[in-house]
Structures are given as C-alpha cells and as structure tokens.
Amino acid sequence: MEGAGARISAVMSASLDSLVDVDYQKMPLPGAVAGWDLPGDALDALTRWGLPVTPGLSPFFQGESEPVLIPNLAGEHERSVASPGQRLYRLASRGREALQISIGAVAGTGTVLQVRPRPVTIDDVAPSLREAVGHLYHPAVSFVGSSVAKFVELAWRWRAAREILVELADNEPDYTRPDEEFEAHGRLFRECQRLVVDYIGQIDDSALVNDPHSFWVGSVFEF
C-alpha cells in the first residue's frame, strides 16, 4: 500500500486534538477522577482526551475515589517494578475480560503499570503443550509507561496507527501474485510496525521498546 509509512509518521506526530475521535470515546470519566491523587498533567489528559476504545485495550475507569488495584509482588520481577504499599487507579483493561489484566496508574506518581491477579506460568498451560512452550512467566506486574499523560497520548496515536496497519494487512497480495510481492508486502508491514514502536519510544523514552514482551511492543506486533 503506497505511503503507509508516511501515513503512520503523520498520525504519530500530528496534534493530539486532531486524532481524538468522539466515536471512540465510549466510556465517560467518572466524577471521582477529579479527586484522584495523580499529577496535574495526568488529570488534564484524562479530562481533555480520555482513552479510546481500541481492540485489545479498552477504557475501564474505576468509579471509586481511592485506588483499587493492589499489585501482587509475587517475585523479583514484580518487586523491581512496584513497591510494597503502592496502589493504582484502574484506567483500562487489556485482552479478554477472563484474563483480568488491568492497566493502572500508581497513586501519587502516575506511573502506568499492567497488573494481573497473579503471574502466568507453565502451570496455566495444558499438560500436553508444556514441553512445546518451555519456560513461561508473565509477571503479575509490568511496566507500561512513565506517565498517564503519555499513556493517553500513545493510546490515541496507537488507535490511529493501528487502523493503517489493519488496512495494510487487508491489502496483502492475493495468491495469484508473484512471491516477490508477498515478500515486499511483508517487509513493508514489519517496517511500519517498527516505525510505530520507534515513535512510541520517542514520545515516552521510558517505554521498553526493545523488549518483545513489553506492553507497547506486544500491542503493535501482536495485534
């Protein structure tokens, strides 16, 4: 698809107001947000733009005035990301509801984390598949981003960039075309995914853009 990279560059660098679409603002902010213990830019971003509804990432704002998410510090990895006593305000959910994955902001600092009730390990895989899976550990707590304001911005930019990637995927050459066209299309698609991740790293330089298991890299490469 001609110009896909340029289109992605455009949405990843355009003014945020130009990307916010009311058709994707499906969940109103609860009134309690105004009293949350978060930095001013976090409250401003939530109030001004909110979060978009995007496949794999949906707004799921808590209605309570006090933070409701308690990180499970199950092991060394979790303790390197969160501290005892920290509580989070729930902002969104990721994946299927049954997986109970939440995105939250740490009270006080506004750091954005992904939390599960417990780690996912090999014990959660069917016995017949465990040998093929090998080592498996998805931590109960993992880092997403440095601030709510940047998370809001990236969520809207990702929604717009994702539409371009979906369109690009839908325009894959059909089976009658030469192999070279399939290979060129695949390279273009991967380059566009990497371009999105590179922009994410520029917007939030704390985002783990070189970790294939990180929140944003997983969102872009596994959508």
Protein backbone atom coordinates (compact mmCIF):
# COMPACT_ATOMS: atom_id res chain seq x y z
CA MET A 1 0.00 0.00 0.00
CA GLU A 2 1.53 3.23 -1.15
CA GLY A 3 2.56 5.73 1.50
CA ALA A 4 1.76 3.58 4.58
CA GLY A 5 4.94 4.64 6.36
CA ALA A 6 4.29 8.31 5.67
CA ARG A 7 0.72 7.96 6.96
CA ILE A 8 1.95 6.33 10.16
CA SER A 9 4.53 9.08 10.63
CA ALA A 10 1.74 11.62 10.20
CA VAL A 11 -0.54 10.18 12.89
CA MET A 12 2.35 9.59 15.28
CA SER A 13 3.39 13.23 15.06
CA ALA A 14 0.11 15.08 14.43
CA SER A 15 -1.53 17.24 17.08
CA LEU A 16 -3.37 15.03 19.53
CA ASP A 17 -6.57 17.05 19.20
CA SER A 18 -6.68 16.10 15.51
CA LEU A 19 -6.63 12.38 16.38
CA VAL A 20 -9.23 12.32 19.14
CA ASP A 21 -12.49 10.97 17.74
CA VAL A 22 -15.64 11.10 19.85
CA ASP A 23 -16.84 7.91 18.15
CA TYR A 24 -14.15 6.05 20.11
CA GLN A 25 -14.78 7.78 23.45
CA LYS A 26 -17.34 5.25 24.59
CA MET A 27 -16.82 5.42 28.35
CA PRO A 28 -17.34 8.70 30.21
CA LEU A 29 -14.98 9.60 33.01
CA PRO A 30 -16.38 9.03 36.49
CA GLY A 31 -16.65 12.17 38.59
CA ALA A 32 -14.21 10.70 41.11
CA VAL A 33 -11.31 11.23 38.67
CA ALA A 34 -11.06 14.89 39.63
CA GLY A 35 -10.06 13.85 43.16
CA TRP A 36 -7.52 11.18 42.24
CA ASP A 37 -4.03 11.62 43.64
CA LEU A 38 -2.27 11.99 40.30
CA PRO A 39 -0.05 14.70 38.76
CA GLY A 40 -1.84 17.64 37.19
CA ASP A 41 -0.92 16.69 33.62
CA ALA A 42 -2.44 13.23 34.19
CA LEU A 43 -5.77 14.67 35.30
CA ASP A 44 -5.69 17.20 32.46
CA ALA A 45 -5.08 14.48 29.86
CA LEU A 46 -7.83 12.23 31.22
CA THR A 47 -10.30 15.11 31.36
CA ARG A 48 -9.44 16.58 27.97
CA TRP A 49 -8.98 13.43 25.87
CA GLY A 50 -9.89 10.36 27.88
CA LEU A 51 -8.94 6.99 26.40
CA PRO A 52 -10.07 5.46 23.10
CA VAL A 53 -11.76 2.12 22.66
CA THR A 54 -9.24 0.04 20.73
CA PRO A 55 -9.24 -3.74 20.13
CA GLY A 56 -7.10 -5.22 22.89
CA LEU A 57 -7.20 -2.06 25.01
CA SER A 58 -10.46 -0.69 26.38
CA PRO A 59 -11.14 2.09 28.89
CA PHE A 60 -12.24 0.65 32.21
CA PHE A 61 -12.12 3.55 34.65
CA GLN A 62 -12.78 2.81 38.28
CA GLY A 63 -15.58 4.78 39.85
CA GLU A 64 -14.00 4.90 43.29
CA SER A 65 -12.10 7.88 44.63
CA GLU A 66 -9.39 5.69 46.22
CA PRO A 67 -7.10 3.43 44.13
CA VAL A 68 -8.49 -0.09 43.81
CA LEU A 69 -5.65 -2.09 42.23
CA ILE A 70 -3.20 -3.78 44.58
CA PRO A 71 -0.13 -5.10 42.77
CA ASN A 72 0.81 -8.68 43.52
CA LEU A 73 4.54 -8.55 44.31
CA ALA A 74 4.92 -12.24 43.59
CA GLY A 75 8.60 -12.30 42.75
CA GLU A 76 11.77 -10.43 41.94
CA HIS A 77 10.49 -9.04 38.65
CA GLU A 78 7.35 -7.60 40.24
CA ARG A 79 9.32 -6.08 43.11
CA SER A 80 11.60 -4.34 40.61
CA VAL A 81 8.56 -2.57 39.11
CA ALA A 82 6.27 -1.87 42.08
CA SER A 83 6.81 -1.24 45.78
CA PRO A 84 5.01 -2.53 48.86
CA GLY A 85 2.07 -0.33 49.74
CA GLN A 86 1.58 1.08 46.25
CA ARG A 87 -1.98 1.27 44.98
CA LEU A 88 -3.19 2.02 41.47
CA TYR A 89 -6.16 3.74 39.88
CA ARG A 90 -7.66 1.45 37.23
CA LEU A 91 -7.71 3.08 33.79
CA ALA A 92 -8.23 0.32 31.25
CA SER A 93 -8.35 -3.39 30.63
CA ARG A 94 -6.40 -5.42 28.14
CA GLY A 95 -7.32 -8.58 26.27
CA ARG A 96 -10.20 -10.80 27.22
CA GLU A 97 -12.02 -9.98 30.42
CA ALA A 98 -11.44 -13.50 31.70
CA LEU A 99 -7.71 -12.82 31.87
CA GLN A 100 -8.28 -9.96 34.34
CA ILE A 101 -5.47 -7.80 33.00
CA SER A 102 -5.77 -4.18 34.12
CA ILE A 103 -3.86 -1.03 33.29
CA GLY A 104 -3.48 1.32 36.22
CA ALA A 105 -1.74 4.48 37.39
CA VAL A 106 0.24 4.48 40.62
CA ALA A 107 -1.27 6.88 43.13
CA GLY A 108 0.97 9.88 43.63
CA THR A 109 3.46 9.32 40.80
CA GLY A 110 1.15 8.48 37.89
CA THR A 111 3.47 5.73 36.62
CA VAL A 112 1.45 3.36 34.44
CA LEU A 113 1.64 -0.38 35.11
CA GLN A 114 -0.04 -3.53 33.85
CA VAL A 115 -1.29 -5.80 36.62
CA ARG A 116 -2.69 -9.33 36.87
CA PRO A 117 -4.01 -11.09 39.96
CA ARG A 118 -1.01 -13.46 39.74
CA PRO A 119 1.77 -14.43 37.34
CA VAL A 120 1.01 -16.70 34.39
CA THR A 121 3.28 -19.74 34.45
CA ILE A 122 3.69 -23.11 32.78
CA ASP A 123 1.09 -24.46 35.21
CA ASP A 124 -1.53 -22.45 33.31
CA VAL A 125 -0.80 -24.35 30.09
CA ALA A 126 -2.41 -27.67 29.24
CA PRO A 127 -0.06 -30.55 30.18
CA SER A 128 0.11 -31.73 26.58
CA LEU A 129 1.52 -28.36 25.49
CA ARG A 130 4.02 -27.67 28.26
CA GLU A 131 7.01 -29.27 26.56
CA ALA A 132 6.47 -27.15 23.45
CA VAL A 133 6.03 -23.96 25.46
CA GLY A 134 9.11 -24.40 27.63
CA HIS A 135 9.74 -21.70 30.23
CA LEU A 136 6.80 -19.37 30.75
CA TYR A 137 6.43 -16.47 33.12
CA HIS A 138 4.19 -13.47 32.54
CA PRO A 139 4.65 -11.33 35.66
CA ALA A 140 1.80 -10.10 37.79
CA VAL A 141 3.14 -6.54 37.45
CA SER A 142 4.93 -4.99 34.48
CA PHE A 143 5.92 -1.50 33.42
CA VAL A 144 3.90 0.31 30.75
CA GLY A 145 4.95 3.94 30.78
CA SER A 146 6.27 6.85 32.76
CA SER A 147 3.08 8.90 33.00
CA VAL A 148 -0.66 8.89 32.46
CA ALA A 149 -0.40 11.87 30.12
CA LYS A 150 1.95 9.98 27.80
CA PHE A 151 -0.15 6.84 28.06
CA VAL A 152 -3.25 8.79 26.97
CA GLU A 153 -1.33 10.28 24.04
CA LEU A 154 0.09 6.94 22.96
CA ALA A 155 -3.28 5.22 23.23
CA TRP A 156 -4.81 7.69 20.76
CA ARG A 157 -1.83 7.56 18.41
CA TRP A 158 -1.81 3.75 18.50
CA ARG A 159 -5.54 3.66 17.69
CA ALA A 160 -4.93 5.74 14.55
CA ALA A 161 -1.77 3.85 13.54
CA ARG A 162 -3.49 0.51 14.08
CA GLU A 163 -6.13 1.40 11.51
CA ILE A 164 -3.38 1.95 8.94
CA LEU A 165 -1.77 -1.40 9.80
CA VAL A 166 -5.13 -3.16 9.51
CA GLU A 167 -5.69 -1.58 6.11
CA LEU A 168 -2.19 -2.61 5.05
CA ALA A 169 -2.81 -6.19 6.20
CA ASP A 170 -6.11 -6.30 4.32
CA ASN A 171 -4.28 -5.30 1.12
CA GLU A 172 -1.92 -8.26 1.15
CA PRO A 173 -1.38 -9.55 -2.42
CA ASP A 174 -3.63 -12.49 -3.33
CA TYR A 175 -2.34 -15.96 -4.07
CA THR A 176 -2.09 -15.29 -7.81
CA ARG A 177 0.64 -12.68 -7.37
CA PRO A 178 4.40 -13.46 -7.56
CA ASP A 179 6.25 -14.44 -4.36
CA GLU A 180 8.28 -11.24 -4.57
CA GLU A 181 5.16 -9.19 -3.97
CA PHE A 182 4.31 -11.17 -0.83
CA GLU A 183 7.84 -10.71 0.48
CA ALA A 184 7.84 -6.98 -0.27
CA HIS A 185 4.47 -6.57 1.40
CA GLY A 186 5.66 -8.47 4.47
CA ARG A 187 8.76 -6.29 4.75
CA LEU A 188 6.67 -3.14 4.44
CA PHE A 189 4.28 -4.34 7.13
CA ARG A 190 7.10 -5.12 9.56
CA GLU A 191 8.80 -1.82 8.80
CA CYS A 192 5.57 0.02 9.57
CA GLN A 193 5.19 -1.84 12.86
CA ARG A 194 8.74 -0.95 13.81
CA LEU A 195 8.10 2.67 12.84
CA VAL A 196 5.18 2.82 15.28
CA VAL A 197 7.34 1.38 18.06
CA ASP A 198 10.15 3.84 17.31
CA TYR A 199 7.72 6.75 17.65
CA ILE A 200 6.43 5.30 20.92
CA GLY A 201 9.99 5.35 22.24
CA GLN A 202 10.38 8.97 21.20
CA ILE A 203 7.18 10.03 22.93
CA ASP A 204 7.91 8.10 26.12
CA ASP A 205 11.60 7.33 26.38
CA SER A 206 10.90 5.11 29.39
CA ALA A 207 8.80 2.70 27.31
CA LEU A 208 10.52 -0.67 26.86
CA VAL A 209 10.60 -0.58 23.06
CA ASN A 210 13.32 -3.22 22.75
CA ASP A 211 11.56 -5.79 24.92
CA PRO A 212 9.32 -8.08 22.82
CA HIS A 213 7.22 -8.84 25.90
CA SER A 214 6.60 -5.22 26.88
CA PHE A 215 3.15 -3.68 26.73
CA TRP A 216 3.54 -1.45 23.67
CA VAL A 217 5.75 -3.79 21.64
CA GLY A 218 3.28 -6.60 22.25
CA SER A 219 0.36 -4.38 21.29
CA VAL A 220 1.98 -3.36 17.99
CA PHE A 221 3.47 -6.67 16.89
CA GLU A 222 0.72 -8.99 18.11
CA PHE A 223 -2.41 -7.01 17.29
